[in-house]
Amino acid sequence: MRRFRDLIGAHLSDLGGEEACSEAELSIVRRAALLTLELEVLEAKFEAEDGASLKQLECYQRTANSLRRLLESVGLKRRPKDITPDLATYLATKRRQAEGIEAS
């Protein structure tokens, strides 16, 4: 139950807290937490048994797809990673490149 509560808390935090969520969103978050927990249980079982049967993999896949759809419905988004260097890093890189060219 502790992991279940932790998952709910993490999802609610991503959504701005419980007070920012509608009852429908809270319901979806609870279901998403339960599916996440069940997937973790299956993963542990696969590891303990050195693999999974086709039937187990099918169940895992269906559950993972259901989880994805639930998370999308409450705002799962792809977020691009910002790889832009800060100004100091950029200037240091340019300085090293210039020094390398001049040293040649």
PDB file of N, CA and C in Angstrom:
ATOM      1  N   MET A   1       0.818  -1.206   0.000  1.00  0.00           N
ATOM      2  CA  MET A   1       0.000   0.000   0.000  1.00  0.00           C
ATOM      3  C   MET A   1       0.859   1.266   0.000  1.00  0.00           C
ATOM      4  N   ARG A   2       2.048   1.173   0.611  1.00  0.00           N
ATOM      5  CA  ARG A   2       2.897   2.364   0.659  1.00  0.00           C
ATOM      6  C   ARG A   2       3.320   2.792  -0.750  1.00  0.00           C
ATOM      7  N   ARG A   3       3.739   1.827  -1.549  1.00  0.00           N
ATOM      8  CA  ARG A   3       4.151   2.148  -2.921  1.00  0.00           C
ATOM      9  C   ARG A   3       2.971   2.727  -3.698  1.00  0.00           C
ATOM     10  N   PHE A   4       1.795   2.170  -3.493  1.00  0.00           N
ATOM     11  CA  PHE A   4       0.588   2.652  -4.158  1.00  0.00           C
ATOM     12  C   PHE A   4       0.343   4.123  -3.791  1.00  0.00           C
ATOM     13  N   ARG A   5       0.433   4.444  -2.510  1.00  0.00           N
ATOM     14  CA  ARG A   5       0.234   5.837  -2.072  1.00  0.00           C
ATOM     15  C   ARG A   5       1.325   6.749  -2.635  1.00  0.00           C
ATOM     16  N   ASP A   6       2.568   6.239  -2.676  1.00  0.00           N
ATOM     17  CA  ASP A   6       3.669   7.038  -3.236  1.00  0.00           C
ATOM     18  C   ASP A   6       3.440   7.344  -4.713  1.00  0.00           C
ATOM     19  N   LEU A   7       2.958   6.346  -5.452  1.00  0.00           N
ATOM     20  CA  LEU A   7       2.675   6.561  -6.881  1.00  0.00           C
ATOM     21  C   LEU A   7       1.569   7.591  -7.066  1.00  0.00           C
ATOM     22  N   ILE A   8       0.510   7.476  -6.275  1.00  0.00           N
ATOM     23  CA  ILE A   8      -0.579   8.456  -6.355  1.00  0.00           C
ATOM     24  C   ILE A   8      -0.030   9.850  -6.073  1.00  0.00           C
ATOM     25  N   GLY A   9       0.781   9.965  -5.025  1.00  0.00           N
ATOM     26  CA  GLY A   9       1.363  11.262  -4.677  1.00  0.00           C
ATOM     27  C   GLY A   9       2.223  11.833  -5.795  1.00  0.00           C
ATOM     28  N   ALA A  10       3.007  10.974  -6.433  1.00  0.00           N
ATOM     29  CA  ALA A  10       3.869  11.435  -7.529  1.00  0.00           C
ATOM     30  C   ALA A  10       3.047  11.917  -8.716  1.00  0.00           C
ATOM     31  N   HIS A  11       2.016  11.156  -9.070  1.00  0.00           N
ATOM     32  CA  HIS A  11       1.158  11.570 -10.190  1.00  0.00           C
ATOM     33  C   HIS A  11       0.423  12.874  -9.862  1.00  0.00           C
ATOM     34  N   LEU A  12      -0.096  12.979  -8.650  1.00  0.00           N
ATOM     35  CA  LEU A  12      -0.801  14.200  -8.260  1.00  0.00           C
ATOM     36  C   LEU A  12       0.136  15.398  -8.254  1.00  0.00           C
ATOM     37  N   SER A  13       1.365  15.192  -7.828  1.00  0.00           N
ATOM     38  CA  SER A  13       2.359  16.264  -7.846  1.00  0.00           C
ATOM     39  C   SER A  13       2.603  16.748  -9.272  1.00  0.00           C
ATOM     40  N   ASP A  14       2.692  15.802 -10.211  1.00  0.00           N
ATOM     41  CA  ASP A  14       2.881  16.157 -11.626  1.00  0.00           C
ATOM     42  C   ASP A  14       1.723  16.995 -12.152  1.00  0.00           C
ATOM     43  N   LEU A  15       0.540  16.793 -11.565  1.00  0.00           N
ATOM     44  CA  LEU A  15      -0.656  17.497 -12.033  1.00  0.00           C
ATOM     45  C   LEU A  15      -0.938  18.773 -11.242  1.00  0.00           C
ATOM     46  N   GLY A  16      -0.033  19.149 -10.346  1.00  0.00           N
ATOM     47  CA  GLY A  16      -0.219  20.381  -9.601  1.00  0.00           C
ATOM     48  C   GLY A  16      -0.833  20.195  -8.229  1.00  0.00           C
ATOM     49  N   GLY A  17      -0.928  18.966  -7.761  1.00  0.00           N
ATOM     50  CA  GLY A  17      -1.479  18.691  -6.436  1.00  0.00           C
ATOM     51  C   GLY A  17      -2.926  18.255  -6.491  1.00  0.00           C
ATOM     52  N   GLU A  18      -3.359  17.615  -5.414  1.00  0.00           N
ATOM     53  CA  GLU A  18      -4.719  17.070  -5.365  1.00  0.00           C
ATOM     54  C   GLU A  18      -5.775  18.154  -5.527  1.00  0.00           C
ATOM     55  N   GLU A  19      -5.512  19.315  -4.937  1.00  0.00           N
ATOM     56  CA  GLU A  19      -6.498  20.404  -5.004  1.00  0.00           C
ATOM     57  C   GLU A  19      -6.692  20.932  -6.418  1.00  0.00           C
ATOM     58  N   ALA A  20      -5.736  20.693  -7.306  1.00  0.00           N
ATOM     59  CA  ALA A  20      -5.837  21.168  -8.688  1.00  0.00           C
ATOM     60  C   ALA A  20      -6.528  20.159  -9.599  1.00  0.00           C
ATOM     61  N   CYS A  21      -6.879  18.974  -9.070  1.00  0.00           N
ATOM     62  CA  CYS A  21      -7.436  17.899  -9.888  1.00  0.00           C
ATOM     63  C   CYS A  21      -8.936  17.746  -9.679  1.00  0.00           C
ATOM     64  N   SER A  22      -9.600  17.381 -10.741  1.00  0.00           N
ATOM     65  CA  SER A  22     -11.026  17.061 -10.660  1.00  0.00           C
ATOM     66  C   SER A  22     -11.179  15.641 -10.109  1.00  0.00           C
ATOM     67  N   GLU A  23     -12.393  15.281  -9.751  1.00  0.00           N
ATOM     68  CA  GLU A  23     -12.652  13.916  -9.275  1.00  0.00           C
ATOM     69  C   GLU A  23     -12.320  12.893 -10.354  1.00  0.00           C
ATOM     70  N   ALA A  24     -12.617  13.223 -11.591  1.00  0.00           N
ATOM     71  CA  ALA A  24     -12.307  12.304 -12.695  1.00  0.00           C
ATOM     72  C   ALA A  24     -10.804  12.092 -12.811  1.00  0.00           C
ATOM     73  N   GLU A  25     -10.030  13.169 -12.686  1.00  0.00           N
ATOM     74  CA  GLU A  25      -8.574  13.039 -12.754  1.00  0.00           C
ATOM     75  C   GLU A  25      -8.048  12.226 -11.570  1.00  0.00           C
ATOM     76  N   LEU A  26      -8.612  12.438 -10.388  1.00  0.00           N
ATOM     77  CA  LEU A  26      -8.205  11.658  -9.217  1.00  0.00           C
ATOM     78  C   LEU A  26      -8.469  10.176  -9.443  1.00  0.00           C
ATOM     79  N   SER A  27      -9.613   9.873 -10.049  1.00  0.00           N
ATOM     80  CA  SER A  27      -9.961   8.486 -10.340  1.00  0.00           C
ATOM     81  C   SER A  27      -8.960   7.877 -11.316  1.00  0.00           C
ATOM     82  N   ILE A  28      -8.618   8.607 -12.344  1.00  0.00           N
ATOM     83  CA  ILE A  28      -7.650   8.123 -13.332  1.00  0.00           C
ATOM     84  C   ILE A  28      -6.282   7.930 -12.688  1.00  0.00           C
ATOM     85  N   VAL A  29      -5.892   8.849 -11.823  1.00  0.00           N
ATOM     86  CA  VAL A  29      -4.601   8.737 -11.137  1.00  0.00           C
ATOM     87  C   VAL A  29      -4.563   7.478 -10.281  1.00  0.00           C
ATOM     88  N   ARG A  30      -5.630   7.180  -9.569  1.00  0.00           N
ATOM     89  CA  ARG A  30      -5.670   5.963  -8.752  1.00  0.00           C
ATOM     90  C   ARG A  30      -5.527   4.724  -9.625  1.00  0.00           C
ATOM     91  N   ARG A  31      -6.223   4.693 -10.740  1.00  0.00           N
ATOM     92  CA  ARG A  31      -6.129   3.533 -11.650  1.00  0.00           C
ATOM     93  C   ARG A  31      -4.736   3.426 -12.253  1.00  0.00           C
ATOM     94  N   ALA A  32      -4.150   4.569 -12.612  1.00  0.00           N
ATOM     95  CA  ALA A  32      -2.791   4.561 -13.175  1.00  0.00           C
ATOM     96  C   ALA A  32      -1.784   4.060 -12.145  1.00  0.00           C
ATOM     97  N   ALA A  33      -1.956   4.460 -10.898  1.00  0.00           N
ATOM     98  CA  ALA A  33      -1.053   3.993  -9.838  1.00  0.00           C
ATOM     99  C   ALA A  33      -1.179   2.485  -9.651  1.00  0.00           C
ATOM    100  N   LEU A  34      -2.400   1.984  -9.683  1.00  0.00           N
ATOM    101  CA  LEU A  34      -2.612   0.541  -9.523  1.00  0.00           C
ATOM    102  C   LEU A  34      -1.988  -0.231 -10.681  1.00  0.00           C
ATOM    103  N   LEU A  35      -2.180   0.239 -11.909  1.00  0.00           N
ATOM    104  CA  LEU A  35      -1.591  -0.449 -13.057  1.00  0.00           C
ATOM    105  C   LEU A  35      -0.061  -0.400 -13.000  1.00  0.00           C
ATOM    106  N   THR A  36       0.486   0.734 -12.583  1.00  0.00           N
ATOM    107  CA  THR A  36       1.938   0.850 -12.432  1.00  0.00           C
ATOM    108  C   THR A  36       2.447  -0.176 -11.430  1.00  0.00           C
ATOM    109  N   LEU A  37       1.755  -0.281 -10.317  1.00  0.00           N
ATOM    110  CA  LEU A  37       2.137  -1.242  -9.287  1.00  0.00           C
ATOM    111  C   LEU A  37       2.076  -2.674  -9.809  1.00  0.00           C
ATOM    112  N   GLU A  38       1.016  -3.003 -10.541  1.00  0.00           N
ATOM    113  CA  GLU A  38       0.882  -4.350 -11.095  1.00  0.00           C
ATOM    114  C   GLU A  38       1.975  -4.641 -12.124  1.00  0.00           C
ATOM    115  N   LEU A  39       2.331  -3.646 -12.913  1.00  0.00           N
ATOM    116  CA  LEU A  39       3.424  -3.832 -13.876  1.00  0.00           C
ATOM    117  C   LEU A  39       4.746  -4.073 -13.153  1.00  0.00           C
ATOM    118  N   GLU A  40       4.961  -3.373 -12.057  1.00  0.00           N
ATOM    119  CA  GLU A  40       6.184  -3.589 -11.282  1.00  0.00           C
ATOM    120  C   GLU A  40       6.220  -5.000 -10.695  1.00  0.00           C
ATOM    121  N   VAL A  41       5.073  -5.486 -10.252  1.00  0.00           N
ATOM    122  CA  VAL A  41       4.994  -6.853  -9.730  1.00  0.00           C
ATOM    123  C   VAL A  41       5.336  -7.856 -10.834  1.00  0.00           C
ATOM    124  N   LEU A  42       4.772  -7.638 -12.020  1.00  0.00           N
ATOM    125  CA  LEU A  42       5.071  -8.529 -13.145  1.00  0.00           C
ATOM    126  C   LEU A  42       6.553  -8.484 -13.504  1.00  0.00           C
ATOM    127  N   GLU A  43       7.140  -7.295 -13.499  1.00  0.00           N
ATOM    128  CA  GLU A  43       8.564  -7.169 -13.819  1.00  0.00           C
ATOM    129  C   GLU A  43       9.420  -7.939 -12.820  1.00  0.00           C
ATOM    130  N   ALA A  44       9.073  -7.855 -11.550  1.00  0.00           N
ATOM    131  CA  ALA A  44       9.816  -8.594 -10.529  1.00  0.00           C
ATOM    132  C   ALA A  44       9.663 -10.100 -10.754  1.00  0.00           C
ATOM    133  N   LYS A  45       8.459 -10.514 -11.142  1.00  0.00           N
ATOM    134  CA  LYS A  45       8.207 -11.935 -11.416  1.00  0.00           C
ATOM    135  C   LYS A  45       9.030 -12.393 -12.624  1.00  0.00           C
ATOM    136  N   PHE A  46       9.088 -11.584 -13.664  1.00  0.00           N
ATOM    137  CA  PHE A  46       9.876 -11.931 -14.850  1.00  0.00           C
ATOM    138  C   PHE A  46      11.353 -12.092 -14.477  1.00  0.00           C
ATOM    139  N   GLU A  47      11.834 -11.198 -13.635  1.00  0.00           N
ATOM    140  CA  GLU A  47      13.235 -11.261 -13.224  1.00  0.00           C
ATOM    141  C   GLU A  47      13.497 -12.516 -12.394  1.00  0.00           C
ATOM    142  N   ALA A  48      12.601 -12.816 -11.484  1.00  0.00           N
ATOM    143  CA  ALA A  48      12.782 -13.993 -10.621  1.00  0.00           C
ATOM    144  C   ALA A  48      12.719 -15.292 -11.411  1.00  0.00           C
ATOM    145  N   GLU A  49      11.917 -15.297 -12.456  1.00  0.00           N
ATOM    146  CA  GLU A  49      11.742 -16.510 -13.260  1.00  0.00           C
ATOM    147  C   GLU A  49      12.630 -16.527 -14.495  1.00  0.00           C
ATOM    148  N   ASP A  50      13.534 -15.573 -14.606  1.00  0.00           N
ATOM    149  CA  ASP A  50      14.417 -15.461 -15.776  1.00  0.00           C
ATOM    150  C   ASP A  50      13.636 -15.394 -17.086  1.00  0.00           C
ATOM    151  N   GLY A  51      12.615 -14.583 -17.120  1.00  0.00           N
ATOM    152  CA  GLY A  51      11.859 -14.387 -18.340  1.00  0.00           C
ATOM    153  C   GLY A  51      10.375 -14.512 -18.111  1.00  0.00           C
ATOM    154  N   ALA A  52       9.649 -14.444 -19.209  1.00  0.00           N
ATOM    155  CA  ALA A  52       8.196 -14.490 -19.142  1.00  0.00           C
ATOM    156  C   ALA A  52       7.655 -15.336 -20.279  1.00  0.00           C
ATOM    157  N   SER A  53       6.501 -15.904 -20.038  1.00  0.00           N
ATOM    158  CA  SER A  53       5.838 -16.664 -21.103  1.00  0.00           C
ATOM    159  C   SER A  53       5.179 -15.680 -22.061  1.00  0.00           C
ATOM    160  N   LEU A  54       4.775 -16.171 -23.209  1.00  0.00           N
ATOM    161  CA  LEU A  54       4.080 -15.306 -24.164  1.00  0.00           C
ATOM    162  C   LEU A  54       2.790 -14.764 -23.567  1.00  0.00           C
ATOM    163  N   LYS A  55       2.077 -15.590 -22.813  1.00  0.00           N
ATOM    164  CA  LYS A  55       0.833 -15.145 -22.178  1.00  0.00           C
ATOM    165  C   LYS A  55       1.112 -14.032 -21.159  1.00  0.00           C
ATOM    166  N   GLN A  56       2.187 -14.178 -20.382  1.00  0.00           N
ATOM    167  CA  GLN A  56       2.546 -13.147 -19.420  1.00  0.00           C
ATOM    168  C   GLN A  56       2.954 -11.853 -20.124  1.00  0.00           C
ATOM    169  N   LEU A  57       3.705 -11.971 -21.208  1.00  0.00           N
ATOM    170  CA  LEU A  57       4.109 -10.786 -21.966  1.00  0.00           C
ATOM    171  C   LEU A  57       2.905 -10.081 -22.575  1.00  0.00           C
ATOM    172  N   GLU A  58       1.939 -10.852 -23.047  1.00  0.00           N
ATOM    173  CA  GLU A  58       0.723 -10.264 -23.612  1.00  0.00           C
ATOM    174  C   GLU A  58      -0.032  -9.491 -22.536  1.00  0.00           C
ATOM    175  N   CYS A  59      -0.153 -10.068 -21.357  1.00  0.00           N
ATOM    176  CA  CYS A  59      -0.812  -9.394 -20.237  1.00  0.00           C
ATOM    177  C   CYS A  59      -0.059  -8.113 -19.877  1.00  0.00           C
ATOM    178  N   TYR A  60       1.262  -8.199 -19.829  1.00  0.00           N
ATOM    179  CA  TYR A  60       2.095  -7.042 -19.514  1.00  0.00           C
ATOM    180  C   TYR A  60       1.886  -5.933 -20.544  1.00  0.00           C
ATOM    181  N   GLN A  61       1.897  -6.318 -21.811  1.00  0.00           N
ATOM    182  CA  GLN A  61       1.739  -5.341 -22.885  1.00  0.00           C
ATOM    183  C   GLN A  61       0.373  -4.658 -22.819  1.00  0.00           C
ATOM    184  N   ARG A  62      -0.676  -5.426 -22.615  1.00  0.00           N
ATOM    185  CA  ARG A  62      -2.016  -4.838 -22.515  1.00  0.00           C
ATOM    186  C   ARG A  62      -2.116  -3.874 -21.335  1.00  0.00           C
ATOM    187  N   THR A  63      -1.526  -4.276 -20.223  1.00  0.00           N
ATOM    188  CA  THR A  63      -1.558  -3.425 -19.029  1.00  0.00           C
ATOM    189  C   THR A  63      -0.751  -2.146 -19.265  1.00  0.00           C
ATOM    190  N   ALA A  64       0.419  -2.275 -19.871  1.00  0.00           N
ATOM    191  CA  ALA A  64       1.247  -1.101 -20.159  1.00  0.00           C
ATOM    192  C   ALA A  64       0.534  -0.144 -21.112  1.00  0.00           C
ATOM    193  N   ASN A  65      -0.150  -0.681 -22.111  1.00  0.00           N
ATOM    194  CA  ASN A  65      -0.892   0.169 -23.041  1.00  0.00           C
ATOM    195  C   ASN A  65      -2.056   0.866 -22.343  1.00  0.00           C
ATOM    196  N   SER A  66      -2.727   0.155 -21.458  1.00  0.00           N
ATOM    197  CA  SER A  66      -3.819   0.772 -20.696  1.00  0.00           C
ATOM    198  C   SER A  66      -3.284   1.893 -19.819  1.00  0.00           C
ATOM    199  N   LEU A  67      -2.141   1.657 -19.193  1.00  0.00           N
ATOM    200  CA  LEU A  67      -1.518   2.680 -18.361  1.00  0.00           C
ATOM    201  C   LEU A  67      -1.175   3.910 -19.195  1.00  0.00           C
ATOM    202  N   ARG A  68      -0.588   3.687 -20.358  1.00  0.00           N
ATOM    203  CA  ARG A  68      -0.235   4.824 -21.226  1.00  0.00           C
ATOM    204  C   ARG A  68      -1.460   5.653 -21.574  1.00  0.00           C
ATOM    205  N   ARG A  69      -2.555   4.983 -21.905  1.00  0.00           N
ATOM    206  CA  ARG A  69      -3.774   5.719 -22.262  1.00  0.00           C
ATOM    207  C   ARG A  69      -4.315   6.508 -21.072  1.00  0.00           C
ATOM    208  N   LEU A  70      -4.275   5.927 -19.895  1.00  0.00           N
ATOM    209  CA  LEU A  70      -4.722   6.657 -18.705  1.00  0.00           C
ATOM    210  C   LEU A  70      -3.848   7.884 -18.458  1.00  0.00           C
ATOM    211  N   LEU A  71      -2.533   7.703 -18.555  1.00  0.00           N
ATOM    212  CA  LEU A  71      -1.629   8.823 -18.321  1.00  0.00           C
ATOM    213  C   LEU A  71      -1.793   9.912 -19.379  1.00  0.00           C
ATOM    214  N   GLU A  72      -2.025   9.515 -20.616  1.00  0.00           N
ATOM    215  CA  GLU A  72      -2.268  10.510 -21.662  1.00  0.00           C
ATOM    216  C   GLU A  72      -3.527  11.313 -21.366  1.00  0.00           C
ATOM    217  N   SER A  73      -4.535  10.663 -20.817  1.00  0.00           N
ATOM    218  CA  SER A  73      -5.794  11.355 -20.565  1.00  0.00           C
ATOM    219  C   SER A  73      -5.683  12.386 -19.442  1.00  0.00           C
ATOM    220  N   VAL A  74      -4.670  12.259 -18.567  1.00  0.00           N
ATOM    221  CA  VAL A  74      -4.474  13.273 -17.531  1.00  0.00           C
ATOM    222  C   VAL A  74      -3.295  14.191 -17.848  1.00  0.00           C
ATOM    223  N   GLY A  75      -2.763  14.072 -19.052  1.00  0.00           N
ATOM    224  CA  GLY A  75      -1.778  15.046 -19.476  1.00  0.00           C
ATOM    225  C   GLY A  75      -0.359  14.549 -19.652  1.00  0.00           C
ATOM    226  N   LEU A  76      -0.178  13.261 -19.919  1.00  0.00           N
ATOM    227  CA  LEU A  76       1.162  12.770 -20.221  1.00  0.00           C
ATOM    228  C   LEU A  76       1.642  13.473 -21.483  1.00  0.00           C
ATOM    229  N   LYS A  77       2.802  14.112 -21.396  1.00  0.00           N
ATOM    230  CA  LYS A  77       3.327  14.862 -22.534  1.00  0.00           C
ATOM    231  C   LYS A  77       4.788  14.510 -22.751  1.00  0.00           C
ATOM    232  N   ARG A  78       5.188  14.564 -23.988  1.00  0.00           N
ATOM    233  CA  ARG A  78       6.607  14.464 -24.285  1.00  0.00           C
ATOM    234  C   ARG A  78       7.196  15.851 -24.111  1.00  0.00           C
ATOM    235  N   ARG A  79       8.286  15.906 -23.388  1.00  0.00           N
ATOM    236  CA  ARG A  79       8.946  17.184 -23.154  1.00  0.00           C
ATOM    237  C   ARG A  79      10.352  17.113 -23.727  1.00  0.00           C
ATOM    238  N   PRO A  80      10.671  17.995 -24.676  1.00  0.00           N
ATOM    239  CA  PRO A  80      12.021  17.971 -25.225  1.00  0.00           C
ATOM    240  C   PRO A  80      13.029  18.367 -24.149  1.00  0.00           C
ATOM    241  N   LYS A  81      14.169  17.735 -24.170  1.00  0.00           N
ATOM    242  CA  LYS A  81      15.220  18.054 -23.223  1.00  0.00           C
ATOM    243  C   LYS A  81      16.003  19.247 -23.759  1.00  0.00           C
ATOM    244  N   ASP A  82      16.157  20.252 -22.918  1.00  0.00           N
ATOM    245  CA  ASP A  82      16.910  21.439 -23.304  1.00  0.00           C
ATOM    246  C   ASP A  82      18.398  21.121 -23.224  1.00  0.00           C
ATOM    247  N   ILE A  83      19.056  21.131 -24.369  1.00  0.00           N
ATOM    248  CA  ILE A  83      20.496  20.835 -24.402  1.00  0.00           C
ATOM    249  C   ILE A  83      21.307  22.090 -24.715  1.00  0.00           C
ATOM    250  N   THR A  84      20.658  23.246 -24.661  1.00  0.00           N
ATOM    251  CA  THR A  84      21.337  24.508 -24.901  1.00  0.00           C
ATOM    252  C   THR A  84      22.287  24.785 -23.741  1.00  0.00           C
ATOM    253  N   PRO A  85      23.579  25.003 -24.029  1.00  0.00           N
ATOM    254  CA  PRO A  85      24.510  25.269 -22.926  1.00  0.00           C
ATOM    255  C   PRO A  85      24.273  26.667 -22.352  1.00  0.00           C
ATOM    256  N   ASP A  86      24.636  26.837 -21.085  1.00  0.00           N
ATOM    257  CA  ASP A  86      24.536  28.184 -20.517  1.00  0.00           C
ATOM    258  C   ASP A  86      25.634  29.042 -21.146  1.00  0.00           C
ATOM    259  N   LEU A  87      25.559  30.331 -20.955  1.00  0.00           N
ATOM    260  CA  LEU A  87      26.467  31.265 -21.617  1.00  0.00           C
ATOM    261  C   LEU A  87      27.928  30.990 -21.268  1.00  0.00           C
ATOM    262  N   ALA A  88      28.210  30.716 -20.003  1.00  0.00           N
ATOM    263  CA  ALA A  88      29.600  30.481 -19.588  1.00  0.00           C
ATOM    264  C   ALA A  88      30.172  29.236 -20.273  1.00  0.00           C
ATOM    265  N   THR A  89      29.392  28.182 -20.356  1.00  0.00           N
ATOM    266  CA  THR A  89      29.843  26.951 -21.010  1.00  0.00           C
ATOM    267  C   THR A  89      30.078  27.188 -22.491  1.00  0.00           C
ATOM    268  N   TYR A  90      29.160  27.911 -23.121  1.00  0.00           N
ATOM    269  CA  TYR A  90      29.277  28.211 -24.547  1.00  0.00           C
ATOM    270  C   TYR A  90      30.555  29.005 -24.830  1.00  0.00           C
ATOM    271  N   LEU A  91      30.788  30.045 -24.033  1.00  0.00           N
ATOM    272  CA  LEU A  91      31.971  30.886 -24.246  1.00  0.00           C
ATOM    273  C   LEU A  91      33.259  30.104 -23.986  1.00  0.00           C
ATOM    274  N   ALA A  92      33.259  29.253 -22.971  1.00  0.00           N
ATOM    275  CA  ALA A  92      34.447  28.446 -22.680  1.00  0.00           C
ATOM    276  C   ALA A  92      34.734  27.494 -23.834  1.00  0.00           C
ATOM    277  N   THR A  93      33.707  26.891 -24.394  1.00  0.00           N
ATOM    278  CA  THR A  93      33.877  25.979 -25.534  1.00  0.00           C
ATOM    279  C   THR A  93      34.441  26.729 -26.730  1.00  0.00           C
ATOM    280  N   LYS A  94      33.888  27.896 -27.010  1.00  0.00           N
ATOM    281  CA  LYS A  94      34.375  28.706 -28.139  1.00  0.00           C
ATOM    282  C   LYS A  94      35.832  29.116 -27.928  1.00  0.00           C
ATOM    283  N   ARG A  95      36.174  29.472 -26.689  1.00  0.00           N
ATOM    284  CA  ARG A  95      37.544  29.868 -26.376  1.00  0.00           C
ATOM    285  C   ARG A  95      38.497  28.680 -26.603  1.00  0.00           C
ATOM    286  N   ARG A  96      38.118  27.491 -26.138  1.00  0.00           N
ATOM    287  CA  ARG A  96      38.964  26.302 -26.337  1.00  0.00           C
ATOM    288  C   ARG A  96      39.117  25.992 -27.819  1.00  0.00           C
ATOM    289  N   GLN A  97      38.023  26.137 -28.581  1.00  0.00           N
ATOM    290  CA  GLN A  97      38.102  25.872 -30.014  1.00  0.00           C
ATOM    291  C   GLN A  97      39.030  26.870 -30.697  1.00  0.00           C
ATOM    292  N   ALA A  98      38.929  28.133 -30.307  1.00  0.00           N
ATOM    293  CA  ALA A  98      39.789  29.161 -30.903  1.00  0.00           C
ATOM    294  C   ALA A  98      41.247  28.919 -30.546  1.00  0.00           C
ATOM    295  N   GLU A  99      41.498  28.523 -29.304  1.00  0.00           N
ATOM    296  CA  GLU A  99      42.878  28.243 -28.890  1.00  0.00           C
ATOM    297  C   GLU A  99      43.434  27.044 -29.634  1.00  0.00           C
ATOM    298  N   GLY A 100      42.587  26.059 -29.888  1.00  0.00           N
ATOM    299  CA  GLY A 100      43.009  24.873 -30.625  1.00  0.00           C
ATOM    300  C   GLY A 100      43.362  25.198 -32.056  1.00  0.00           C
ATOM    301  N   ILE A 101      42.609  26.107 -32.668  1.00  0.00           N
ATOM    302  CA  ILE A 101      42.871  26.512 -34.052  1.00  0.00           C
ATOM    303  C   ILE A 101      44.158  27.318 -34.122  1.00  0.00           C
ATOM    304  N   GLU A 102      44.374  28.222 -33.150  1.00  0.00           N
ATOM    305  CA  GLU A 102      45.570  29.060 -33.144  1.00  0.00           C
ATOM    306  C   GLU A 102      46.816  28.242 -32.845  1.00  0.00           C
ATOM    307  N   ALA A 103      46.673  27.162 -32.055  1.00  0.00           N
ATOM    308  CA  ALA A 103      47.831  26.345 -31.692  1.00  0.00           C
ATOM    309  C   ALA A 103      48.297  25.509 -32.884  1.00  0.00           C
ATOM    310  N   SER A 104      47.451  25.278 -33.862  1.00  0.00           N
ATOM    311  CA  SER A 104      47.813  24.441 -35.011  1.00  0.00           C
ATOM    312  C   SER A 104      48.793  25.086 -35.932  1.00  0.00           C
TER     313      SER A 104
END
